[in-house]
Amino acid sequence: MPGETLGPILATGAAVAALLLLVLRARLPAFLALILVSLLFGISVGMAPEAVLGAVREGVGGTLGFVAVVVGLGAMMGALLEASGGIDAISGRILSRFGPKRAPAALTLIGLLVSIPVFFDVALIILLPVLVGLRQKTGRPLIAFAIPLLAGLAVAHAFVPPTPGPIAVADILGAELGLVMLFGLIAGLPAALVGGPLLAAILARSSAFEGEASPVPAASGSGGRAPDPAGFLDALLVILVPVFLILLATALTGFAPDAQDGILGQVILFIGHPFSALTIACLFGWWRLGRARGMPAADLQAAMARALEPAGLVVLVTGAGGAFKQVLVDSGAGAALAASLQAASVPLLLFGFVTAGIVRLAQGSATVAMVTAAGLAAPVVQTAGVPAPQVALLVIAIASGASLTSHVNDSGFWLVSRYLGLTEAQTLRSWTVCTTLIGLVGFLVASLLGLLIG
C-alpha cells in the first residue's frame, strides 16, 4: 500500500481508538469526545488550524440543519401520542385483535409502531403496564411478553426513520429517506420476529427465568391527560401520515422524475419532505389528539417541551459525528480509506456493519456507533459514487451493526434490567441475545437485498 494512503488510514484508526478510550476510560461525554478527536485528528494529518475549525463548523452545522428539526418534531409528535392516550389506544386495539396466545407477535408490532415517534426508554416505561397485565392474565413469565416488545422497540429505534439514529446516518451518508424507511421495514420486521417472539418462546421455557422479580412500577406519565382519550385510528394516523408522505415523495422522485416539475409534483415533494411531513403530523396530533378532545393547550405545550429535553443530547452527539465526518473528508483521509477498501475489495455493507458493531461493543451507545460508522463510510460513498439504493442499504447495515450485543456498558441494558426486574445474568441471556439476533438478521436481509438490487 502506498505511503500516502497508509498514513491517513493509520491516523483514522488512531482517531477511532482515541475516541473509544476517551468515552470508555476517561468517561468523557460522547459529544465532547467527538469534537476533541475531530480537532486533534485534523491537526495531526496536517490540516491548517483554520481549515480544521471550518470543517468542524461545517460538519456540525450541516448535520444539525436537518437532524435537529426532524428529531425535535418527532419527539413532540411522540409526546402528543403519549399525553393524549394514543399509545394506550394503539396497544389496546392490537392486543384485543391478536388475543393472548398471539400476544408476543402483537407486542412486536406495537413496539415497531410506538418506537417510531417515541424514544426507546419512554416507550418501554409507557408500555410496561401492558406487560404486567398480560403476565397476570395468562400466568406466563414476563419475559415471554417483554422480549417481543423490546425487539420491536429496538428495531424501530435503529432501523426506521424518523428515529434519531437512522435519520443521522441517512443525513451523513446522503441517503434517500424514503428508501431508508422502506429497507428498514423490510429488514427490521424479520429481525424483530426472530429476536422477539421466536427467542421469547425459547426463553419462556428456560428455568433461568423462573421466579423472576416484579418489574418496577411505570412512571405516572407526562402530566395532563385528555378528558376524552384518543382513539386507535387517530393515533395510528399521526404515525402513518408522515411515513406515507415521505414515501410518496420518494416514489415520485424514483419512478416519475418528469412529474416533479408540475404543480402537483412540486406539492408532493414539498409535503413529502421530512420537515413538512412531521410538521403536518404534529399539527394534526395537536388538534385531533389534544385540543379537539378537551386537553388544555398549556398541558400540550408542556408535554411537547419536555419531549425536547432528551432529544437535545441526541442532536448534539449527532452534530459532533457530522464534524468527525467532515474532517475525514476535508483531510483526504476518507479518500484514502475509500481507495484501500476498493483495492481490498471489502464490501461496503460489510465495512459499515463491522465498524458499527465494533464501536457498539466497545462503548455501548448505538447512536454513537451509528454516527461514527457513518462518518467513516461517508467519504467512501462520496468517492465511489455508490447508487442511491446501496447507500440506503448501507444505512441499514450500519444500524444492524449498532444493534449488536447490548451489554453492561449500554444504558439500555440497565434500563431493561431495572424496569423488568431481571438480574444481570438474566438480562444477558435475554436482552443481549435479542439485540445480537436483531443485528445479525438485519444485516443478512440487507445483504440479500443488496445482491438482488445489484
Protein backbone atom coordinates (compact mmCIF):
# COMPACT_ATOMS: atom_id res chain seq x y z
CA MET A 1 0.00 0.00 0.00
CA PRO A 2 1.49 3.42 -0.95
CA GLY A 3 2.74 5.55 1.92
CA GLU A 4 0.40 8.41 1.10
CA THR A 5 -2.55 6.05 1.59
CA LEU A 6 -1.24 4.20 4.62
CA GLY A 7 -0.58 7.31 6.72
CA PRO A 8 -4.14 8.72 6.69
CA ILE A 9 -5.61 5.26 7.30
CA LEU A 10 -3.39 4.74 10.36
CA ALA A 11 -4.34 8.19 11.59
CA THR A 12 -8.02 7.34 11.15
CA GLY A 13 -7.60 4.13 13.14
CA ALA A 14 -5.80 6.03 15.87
CA ALA A 15 -8.60 8.59 15.96
CA VAL A 16 -11.25 5.90 16.43
CA ALA A 17 -9.15 4.24 19.14
CA ALA A 18 -8.71 7.59 20.89
CA LEU A 19 -12.46 8.19 20.71
CA LEU A 20 -13.17 4.86 22.37
CA LEU A 21 -10.57 5.48 25.09
CA LEU A 22 -11.99 8.91 25.86
CA VAL A 23 -15.53 7.55 26.16
CA LEU A 24 -14.67 4.30 27.98
CA ARG A 25 -11.68 5.14 30.15
CA ALA A 26 -11.83 8.89 30.66
CA ARG A 27 -15.65 8.82 30.79
CA LEU A 28 -15.93 11.96 28.69
CA PRO A 29 -19.37 12.68 27.23
CA ALA A 30 -19.61 11.40 23.67
CA PHE A 31 -20.26 14.91 22.31
CA LEU A 32 -17.10 16.34 23.88
CA ALA A 33 -15.03 13.31 22.86
CA LEU A 34 -16.13 13.51 19.22
CA ILE A 35 -15.39 17.22 18.97
CA LEU A 36 -11.97 16.81 20.64
CA VAL A 37 -10.97 13.89 18.40
CA SER A 38 -12.13 15.77 15.30
CA LEU A 39 -9.94 18.77 16.18
CA LEU A 40 -6.87 16.72 17.08
CA PHE A 41 -7.24 14.44 14.06
CA GLY A 42 -7.36 17.37 11.65
CA ILE A 43 -4.20 18.89 13.15
CA SER A 44 -2.38 15.53 13.23
CA VAL A 45 -2.84 14.93 9.48
CA GLY A 46 -1.51 18.35 8.57
CA MET A 47 -4.63 20.46 8.09
CA ALA A 48 -4.32 24.16 8.82
CA PRO A 49 -5.97 25.16 12.12
CA GLU A 50 -8.44 27.39 10.28
CA ALA A 51 -9.35 24.53 7.96
CA VAL A 52 -9.93 22.18 10.91
CA LEU A 53 -12.21 24.65 12.66
CA GLY A 54 -14.04 25.30 9.40
CA ALA A 55 -14.59 21.58 8.83
CA VAL A 56 -15.96 21.13 12.35
CA ARG A 57 -18.27 24.11 11.92
CA GLU A 58 -19.45 22.88 8.53
CA GLY A 59 -19.92 19.31 9.75
CA VAL A 60 -21.93 20.27 12.83
CA GLY A 61 -23.99 22.92 11.06
CA GLY A 62 -24.69 20.82 8.00
CA THR A 63 -25.81 17.84 10.05
CA LEU A 64 -27.89 19.71 12.62
CA GLY A 65 -29.60 21.78 9.95
CA PHE A 66 -31.56 18.66 9.07
CA VAL A 67 -31.34 16.34 12.06
CA ALA A 68 -32.28 18.86 14.76
CA VAL A 69 -35.54 19.73 13.03
CA VAL A 70 -36.54 16.14 12.35
CA VAL A 71 -35.64 14.82 15.81
CA GLY A 72 -37.38 17.75 17.51
CA LEU A 73 -40.57 17.32 15.52
CA GLY A 74 -40.51 13.56 16.04
CA ALA A 75 -40.09 13.97 19.79
CA MET A 76 -43.04 16.36 20.00
CA MET A 77 -45.18 14.02 17.92
CA GLY A 78 -44.43 11.21 20.36
CA ALA A 79 -45.28 13.43 23.33
CA LEU A 80 -48.70 14.18 21.84
CA LEU A 81 -49.38 10.49 21.34
CA GLU A 82 -48.41 9.66 24.91
CA ALA A 83 -50.22 12.56 26.61
CA SER A 84 -53.44 12.03 24.65
CA GLY A 85 -53.66 8.31 25.40
CA GLY A 86 -52.88 7.42 21.80
CA ILE A 87 -50.22 4.89 22.82
CA ASP A 88 -52.75 3.10 25.03
CA ALA A 89 -55.27 3.10 22.17
CA ILE A 90 -52.81 1.50 19.74
CA SER A 91 -51.58 -1.16 22.14
CA GLY A 92 -55.06 -1.98 23.41
CA ARG A 93 -56.57 -2.42 19.93
CA ILE A 94 -53.75 -4.59 18.60
CA LEU A 95 -53.73 -6.83 21.67
CA SER A 96 -57.50 -7.25 21.57
CA ARG A 97 -57.37 -8.31 17.92
CA PHE A 98 -54.48 -10.75 18.32
CA GLY A 99 -55.61 -12.30 21.61
CA PRO A 100 -53.45 -13.60 24.50
CA LYS A 101 -51.99 -16.54 22.56
CA ARG A 102 -50.65 -14.32 19.79
CA ALA A 103 -49.79 -11.51 22.18
CA PRO A 104 -45.99 -11.79 21.60
CA ALA A 105 -46.39 -11.10 17.88
CA ALA A 106 -48.80 -8.29 18.69
CA LEU A 107 -46.33 -6.76 21.12
CA THR A 108 -43.61 -6.80 18.45
CA LEU A 109 -45.92 -4.86 16.13
CA ILE A 110 -46.80 -2.44 18.94
CA GLY A 111 -43.12 -1.89 19.63
CA LEU A 112 -42.44 -1.15 15.97
CA LEU A 113 -45.25 1.37 15.74
CA VAL A 114 -44.75 3.10 19.07
CA SER A 115 -40.96 3.47 18.89
CA ILE A 116 -41.12 5.30 15.56
CA PRO A 117 -42.28 8.54 17.21
CA VAL A 118 -41.33 7.80 20.85
CA PHE A 119 -37.84 7.28 22.33
CA PHE A 120 -36.97 3.70 23.30
CA ASP A 121 -36.85 4.28 27.06
CA VAL A 122 -40.03 6.34 27.11
CA ALA A 123 -41.89 3.72 25.08
CA LEU A 124 -40.79 0.94 27.46
CA ILE A 125 -41.95 2.87 30.51
CA ILE A 126 -45.29 3.73 28.91
CA LEU A 127 -45.99 0.13 27.83
CA LEU A 128 -44.77 -1.60 30.98
CA PRO A 129 -48.31 -1.85 32.46
CA VAL A 130 -49.38 -3.77 29.34
CA LEU A 131 -46.68 -6.38 30.03
CA VAL A 132 -47.64 -6.70 33.68
CA GLY A 133 -51.31 -7.08 32.79
CA LEU A 134 -50.57 -9.84 30.29
CA ARG A 135 -48.46 -11.73 32.82
CA GLN A 136 -51.27 -11.56 35.37
CA LYS A 137 -53.89 -12.54 32.83
CA THR A 138 -52.05 -15.51 31.31
CA GLY A 139 -49.76 -16.67 34.12
CA ARG A 140 -46.85 -16.84 31.68
CA PRO A 141 -43.39 -15.43 32.54
CA LEU A 142 -42.94 -11.72 32.00
CA ILE A 143 -40.03 -12.42 29.65
CA ALA A 144 -42.44 -14.08 27.18
CA PHE A 145 -44.04 -10.68 26.57
CA ALA A 146 -41.16 -8.31 27.33
CA ILE A 147 -38.69 -9.59 24.73
CA PRO A 148 -41.12 -9.31 21.77
CA LEU A 149 -41.96 -5.75 22.79
CA LEU A 150 -38.29 -4.87 23.28
CA ALA A 151 -37.41 -6.33 19.89
CA GLY A 152 -39.98 -4.14 18.17
CA LEU A 153 -38.80 -1.07 20.08
CA ALA A 154 -35.13 -1.78 19.31
CA VAL A 155 -35.72 -2.32 15.59
CA ALA A 156 -37.70 0.89 15.15
CA HIS A 157 -35.12 2.75 17.24
CA ALA A 158 -32.26 1.75 14.94
CA PHE A 159 -33.80 0.92 11.54
CA VAL A 160 -36.79 3.16 10.85
CA PRO A 161 -36.78 6.97 10.46
CA PRO A 162 -37.75 9.41 11.91
CA THR A 163 -35.98 7.95 14.95
CA PRO A 164 -32.68 9.83 15.53
CA GLY A 165 -30.17 7.10 14.66
CA PRO A 166 -31.21 6.32 11.08
CA ILE A 167 -32.03 9.99 10.48
CA ALA A 168 -28.48 10.95 11.46
CA VAL A 169 -26.85 8.20 9.38
CA ALA A 170 -29.03 8.93 6.35
CA ASP A 171 -28.10 12.60 6.53
CA ILE A 172 -24.36 11.96 6.95
CA LEU A 173 -24.34 9.49 4.04
CA GLY A 174 -26.74 11.48 1.86
CA ALA A 175 -29.23 8.60 1.65
CA GLU A 176 -32.79 8.98 0.42
CA LEU A 177 -35.02 8.85 3.47
CA GLY A 178 -37.88 7.07 1.76
CA LEU A 179 -35.61 4.22 0.68
CA VAL A 180 -34.18 4.01 4.19
CA MET A 181 -37.72 3.71 5.57
CA LEU A 182 -38.63 1.03 3.05
CA PHE A 183 -35.48 -1.06 3.52
CA GLY A 184 -35.59 -0.51 7.28
CA LEU A 185 -39.04 -2.06 7.47
CA ILE A 186 -38.14 -4.91 5.11
CA ALA A 187 -35.02 -5.81 7.12
CA GLY A 188 -36.39 -4.83 10.51
CA LEU A 189 -39.55 -6.92 10.52
CA PRO A 190 -37.87 -10.35 10.24
CA ALA A 191 -35.15 -9.17 12.64
CA ALA A 192 -37.82 -8.21 15.19
CA LEU A 193 -39.65 -11.52 14.78
CA VAL A 194 -36.51 -13.62 15.25
CA GLY A 195 -35.18 -11.53 18.13
CA GLY A 196 -38.66 -11.17 19.63
CA PRO A 197 -41.37 -13.86 19.54
CA LEU A 198 -39.11 -16.71 18.43
CA LEU A 199 -36.50 -16.00 21.10
CA ALA A 200 -39.17 -15.34 23.73
CA ALA A 201 -40.74 -18.76 23.13
CA ILE A 202 -37.40 -20.37 23.99
CA LEU A 203 -36.69 -18.14 26.99
CA ALA A 204 -40.16 -18.71 28.47
CA ARG A 205 -39.36 -22.41 28.81
CA SER A 206 -35.98 -21.78 30.43
CA SER A 207 -35.52 -22.38 34.14
CA ALA A 208 -33.29 -19.29 34.26
CA PHE A 209 -36.40 -17.09 34.31
CA GLU A 210 -38.37 -18.93 36.95
CA GLY A 211 -39.26 -16.86 39.99
CA GLU A 212 -38.43 -13.57 38.25
CA ALA A 213 -38.75 -10.41 40.32
CA SER A 214 -41.56 -7.91 39.91
CA PRO A 215 -40.90 -5.09 37.44
CA VAL A 216 -40.50 -1.50 38.59
CA PRO A 217 -43.84 0.37 38.51
CA ALA A 218 -44.18 2.57 35.47
CA ALA A 219 -43.89 6.31 35.78
CA SER A 220 -47.09 8.26 36.01
CA GLY A 221 -46.61 9.87 32.63
CA SER A 222 -46.16 13.39 31.43
CA GLY A 223 -48.88 15.13 33.35
CA GLY A 224 -52.27 16.12 31.98
CA ARG A 225 -54.42 13.69 30.06
CA ALA A 226 -57.18 14.35 27.60
CA PRO A 227 -60.67 14.07 29.15
CA ASP A 228 -61.62 12.06 26.06
CA PRO A 229 -58.63 9.74 25.29
CA ALA A 230 -57.52 9.42 21.68
CA GLY A 231 -58.94 6.64 19.53
CA PHE A 232 -56.96 3.99 17.70
CA LEU A 233 -57.46 5.38 14.19
CA ASP A 234 -56.50 8.95 15.07
CA ALA A 235 -53.38 7.79 16.92
CA LEU A 236 -52.38 5.49 14.07
CA LEU A 237 -52.85 8.29 11.53
CA VAL A 238 -50.45 10.54 13.42
CA ILE A 239 -47.75 7.88 12.97
CA LEU A 240 -48.56 6.79 9.43
CA VAL A 241 -49.30 10.15 7.76
CA PRO A 242 -45.69 11.41 7.76
CA VAL A 243 -44.41 7.97 6.72
CA PHE A 244 -46.86 7.92 3.79
CA LEU A 245 -45.99 11.46 2.69
CA ILE A 246 -42.23 10.80 2.75
CA LEU A 247 -42.62 7.53 0.85
CA LEU A 248 -44.88 9.26 -1.70
CA ALA A 249 -42.24 11.90 -2.39
CA THR A 250 -39.56 9.22 -2.72
CA ALA A 251 -41.72 7.23 -5.14
CA LEU A 252 -42.26 10.35 -7.26
CA THR A 253 -38.53 11.01 -7.40
CA GLY A 254 -37.64 7.42 -8.25
CA PHE A 255 -40.43 6.38 -10.63
CA ALA A 256 -41.82 9.60 -12.15
CA PRO A 257 -39.00 12.15 -12.21
CA ASP A 258 -40.60 14.06 -15.12
CA ALA A 259 -43.64 14.80 -12.93
CA GLN A 260 -41.54 16.75 -10.43
CA ASP A 261 -41.72 19.93 -12.49
CA GLY A 262 -45.52 20.10 -12.48
CA ILE A 263 -47.57 21.83 -9.82
CA LEU A 264 -48.79 18.54 -8.35
CA GLY A 265 -45.27 17.14 -8.29
CA GLN A 266 -43.92 20.20 -6.51
CA VAL A 267 -46.70 19.97 -3.93
CA ILE A 268 -45.94 16.29 -3.30
CA LEU A 269 -42.22 16.96 -2.95
CA PHE A 270 -42.91 19.82 -0.54
CA ILE A 271 -45.31 18.00 1.77
CA GLY A 272 -43.25 14.82 1.47
CA HIS A 273 -40.11 16.44 2.81
CA PRO A 274 -39.48 15.25 6.40
CA PHE A 275 -39.79 18.83 7.70
CA SER A 276 -43.23 19.30 6.18
CA ALA A 277 -44.48 15.74 6.80
CA LEU A 278 -43.61 15.79 10.50
CA THR A 279 -44.95 19.33 10.93
CA ILE A 280 -48.26 18.19 9.44
CA ALA A 281 -48.29 15.20 11.80
CA CYS A 282 -47.59 17.42 14.83
CA LEU A 283 -50.34 19.87 13.89
CA PHE A 284 -52.80 17.07 13.26
CA GLY A 285 -51.87 15.44 16.58
CA TRP A 286 -52.02 18.74 18.48
CA TRP A 287 -55.55 19.38 17.25
CA ARG A 288 -57.11 15.94 16.79
CA LEU A 289 -55.50 14.16 19.74
CA GLY A 290 -55.41 17.10 22.12
CA ARG A 291 -57.46 20.23 21.60
CA ALA A 292 -60.42 18.54 19.92
CA ARG A 293 -60.63 16.16 22.91
CA GLY A 294 -60.63 18.85 25.56
CA MET A 295 -56.97 18.81 26.54
CA PRO A 296 -55.73 22.26 27.66
CA ALA A 297 -53.24 23.93 25.35
CA ALA A 298 -50.92 24.52 28.32
CA ASP A 299 -50.72 20.77 29.02
CA LEU A 300 -49.97 20.04 25.38
CA GLN A 301 -47.29 22.71 25.31
CA ALA A 302 -45.68 21.36 28.49
CA ALA A 303 -45.66 17.78 27.20
CA MET A 304 -44.09 18.80 23.90
CA ALA A 305 -41.47 20.96 25.63
CA ARG A 306 -40.48 18.11 27.95
CA ALA A 307 -40.04 15.84 24.95
CA LEU A 308 -37.32 18.11 23.59
CA GLU A 309 -35.06 17.65 26.63
CA PRO A 310 -33.86 14.08 25.84
CA ALA A 311 -33.79 14.96 22.13
CA GLY A 312 -31.20 17.66 22.78
CA LEU A 313 -28.44 15.21 23.78
CA VAL A 314 -29.07 13.01 20.74
CA VAL A 315 -28.93 16.04 18.46
CA LEU A 316 -25.61 17.24 19.89
CA VAL A 317 -23.96 13.82 19.59
CA THR A 318 -25.21 13.58 16.02
CA GLY A 319 -23.79 17.01 15.20
CA ALA A 320 -20.41 16.01 16.62
CA GLY A 321 -20.49 12.89 14.46
CA GLY A 322 -21.06 15.15 11.48
CA ALA A 323 -17.97 17.15 12.47
CA PHE A 324 -15.86 13.98 12.58
CA LYS A 325 -17.13 13.01 9.14
CA GLN A 326 -16.33 16.41 7.64
CA VAL A 327 -12.77 16.43 8.99
CA LEU A 328 -12.23 12.98 7.46
CA VAL A 329 -13.49 14.28 4.11
CA ASP A 330 -11.57 17.56 4.09
CA SER A 331 -8.31 15.98 5.28
CA GLY A 332 -8.26 13.43 2.47
CA ALA A 333 -8.27 10.53 4.93
CA GLY A 334 -11.70 9.49 3.70
CA ALA A 335 -10.48 9.26 0.12
CA ALA A 336 -7.52 7.14 1.26
CA LEU A 337 -9.88 4.85 3.15
CA ALA A 338 -12.09 4.55 0.09
CA ALA A 339 -9.11 3.66 -2.08
CA SER A 340 -7.94 0.99 0.34
CA LEU A 341 -11.40 -0.57 0.56
CA GLN A 342 -11.72 -0.67 -3.21
CA ALA A 343 -8.23 -2.17 -3.55
CA ALA A 344 -9.01 -4.83 -0.95
CA SER A 345 -12.47 -5.49 -2.42
CA VAL A 346 -14.11 -5.12 1.01
CA PRO A 347 -17.90 -4.94 0.52
CA LEU A 348 -19.23 -1.57 1.66
CA LEU A 349 -22.13 -3.07 3.60
CA LEU A 350 -19.77 -5.36 5.49
CA PHE A 351 -17.49 -2.44 6.30
CA GLY A 352 -20.39 -0.42 7.74
CA PHE A 353 -21.74 -3.37 9.72
CA VAL A 354 -18.41 -4.39 11.25
CA THR A 355 -17.34 -0.82 12.04
CA ALA A 356 -20.61 -0.01 13.79
CA GLY A 357 -20.53 -3.36 15.61
CA ILE A 358 -17.01 -2.80 16.96
CA VAL A 359 -17.83 0.70 18.23
CA ARG A 360 -21.11 -0.51 19.74
CA LEU A 361 -19.43 -3.42 21.52
CA ALA A 362 -16.70 -1.17 22.87
CA GLN A 363 -18.64 1.83 24.14
CA GLY A 364 -22.30 0.80 24.33
CA SER A 365 -24.21 3.63 22.68
CA ALA A 366 -25.98 2.63 19.47
CA THR A 367 -26.25 6.28 18.40
CA VAL A 368 -22.51 6.91 18.82
CA ALA A 369 -21.76 3.67 16.96
CA MET A 370 -24.02 4.70 14.09
CA VAL A 371 -22.66 8.23 13.65
CA THR A 372 -19.05 7.03 13.98
CA ALA A 373 -19.50 4.32 11.34
CA ALA A 374 -21.38 6.73 9.09
CA GLY A 375 -18.57 9.27 9.39
CA LEU A 376 -16.05 6.66 8.28
CA ALA A 377 -18.24 5.39 5.44
CA ALA A 378 -19.34 8.79 4.08
CA PRO A 379 -16.10 9.56 2.21
CA VAL A 380 -16.24 6.12 0.64
CA VAL A 381 -19.77 6.79 -0.57
CA GLN A 382 -18.84 10.18 -1.98
CA THR A 383 -15.67 8.93 -3.68
CA ALA A 384 -17.03 5.70 -5.13
CA GLY A 385 -20.31 7.12 -6.45
CA VAL A 386 -22.49 4.50 -4.73
CA PRO A 387 -26.05 4.22 -6.17
CA ALA A 388 -28.91 5.52 -4.03
CA PRO A 389 -30.39 2.08 -3.14
CA GLN A 390 -26.99 0.83 -1.98
CA VAL A 391 -26.49 3.93 0.15
CA ALA A 392 -29.86 3.30 1.82
CA LEU A 393 -28.87 -0.32 2.44
CA LEU A 394 -25.62 0.90 3.95
CA VAL A 395 -27.70 2.81 6.50
CA ILE A 396 -29.44 -0.46 7.41
CA ALA A 397 -26.13 -2.33 7.60
CA ILE A 398 -24.77 0.30 9.99
CA ALA A 399 -27.99 0.14 12.02
CA SER A 400 -27.60 -3.63 12.22
CA GLY A 401 -24.04 -3.38 13.47
CA ALA A 402 -25.02 -0.74 16.02
CA SER A 403 -27.78 -3.04 17.32
CA LEU A 404 -25.42 -5.87 18.20
CA THR A 405 -24.75 -7.14 21.71
CA SER A 406 -26.12 -4.60 24.14
CA HIS A 407 -24.33 -5.39 27.40
CA VAL A 408 -23.19 -3.77 30.64
CA ASN A 409 -21.70 -0.64 29.05
CA ASP A 410 -25.02 0.25 27.42
CA SER A 411 -27.57 2.32 29.34
CA GLY A 412 -30.32 0.36 27.59
CA PHE A 413 -29.06 -2.83 29.24
CA TRP A 414 -29.60 -1.35 32.70
CA LEU A 415 -32.91 0.20 31.71
CA VAL A 416 -34.24 -3.21 30.68
CA SER A 417 -32.78 -4.89 33.76
CA ARG A 418 -34.22 -2.31 36.17
CA TYR A 419 -37.70 -1.98 34.74
CA LEU A 420 -38.24 -5.69 34.16
CA GLY A 421 -36.75 -6.77 37.48
CA LEU A 422 -34.12 -9.01 35.84
CA THR A 423 -30.71 -9.91 37.20
CA GLU A 424 -27.62 -9.08 35.15
CA ALA A 425 -27.30 -12.73 34.12
CA GLN A 426 -30.95 -12.89 33.04
CA THR A 427 -30.58 -9.65 31.08
CA LEU A 428 -27.53 -11.00 29.26
CA ARG A 429 -29.40 -14.20 28.37
CA SER A 430 -32.44 -12.33 27.09
CA TRP A 431 -31.90 -8.70 26.07
CA THR A 432 -28.29 -9.13 24.91
CA VAL A 433 -29.18 -12.18 22.83
CA CYS A 434 -32.20 -10.31 21.46
CA THR A 435 -30.13 -7.38 20.20
CA THR A 436 -27.50 -9.70 18.75
CA LEU A 437 -30.11 -11.60 16.74
CA ILE A 438 -31.63 -8.31 15.54
CA GLY A 439 -28.26 -7.13 14.28
CA LEU A 440 -27.37 -10.38 12.54
CA VAL A 441 -30.75 -10.89 10.86
CA GLY A 442 -30.96 -7.22 9.85
CA PHE A 443 -27.56 -7.38 8.18
CA LEU A 444 -28.39 -10.68 6.46
CA VAL A 445 -31.57 -9.22 4.94
CA ALA A 446 -29.76 -6.02 3.91
CA SER A 447 -27.05 -8.07 2.23
CA LEU A 448 -29.62 -10.17 0.35
CA LEU A 449 -31.37 -7.00 -0.80
CA GLY A 450 -28.03 -5.65 -1.95
CA LEU A 451 -27.44 -8.75 -4.07
CA LEU A 452 -30.94 -8.58 -5.57
CA ILE A 453 -30.72 -4.88 -6.37
CA GLY A 454 -27.19 -5.17 -7.66
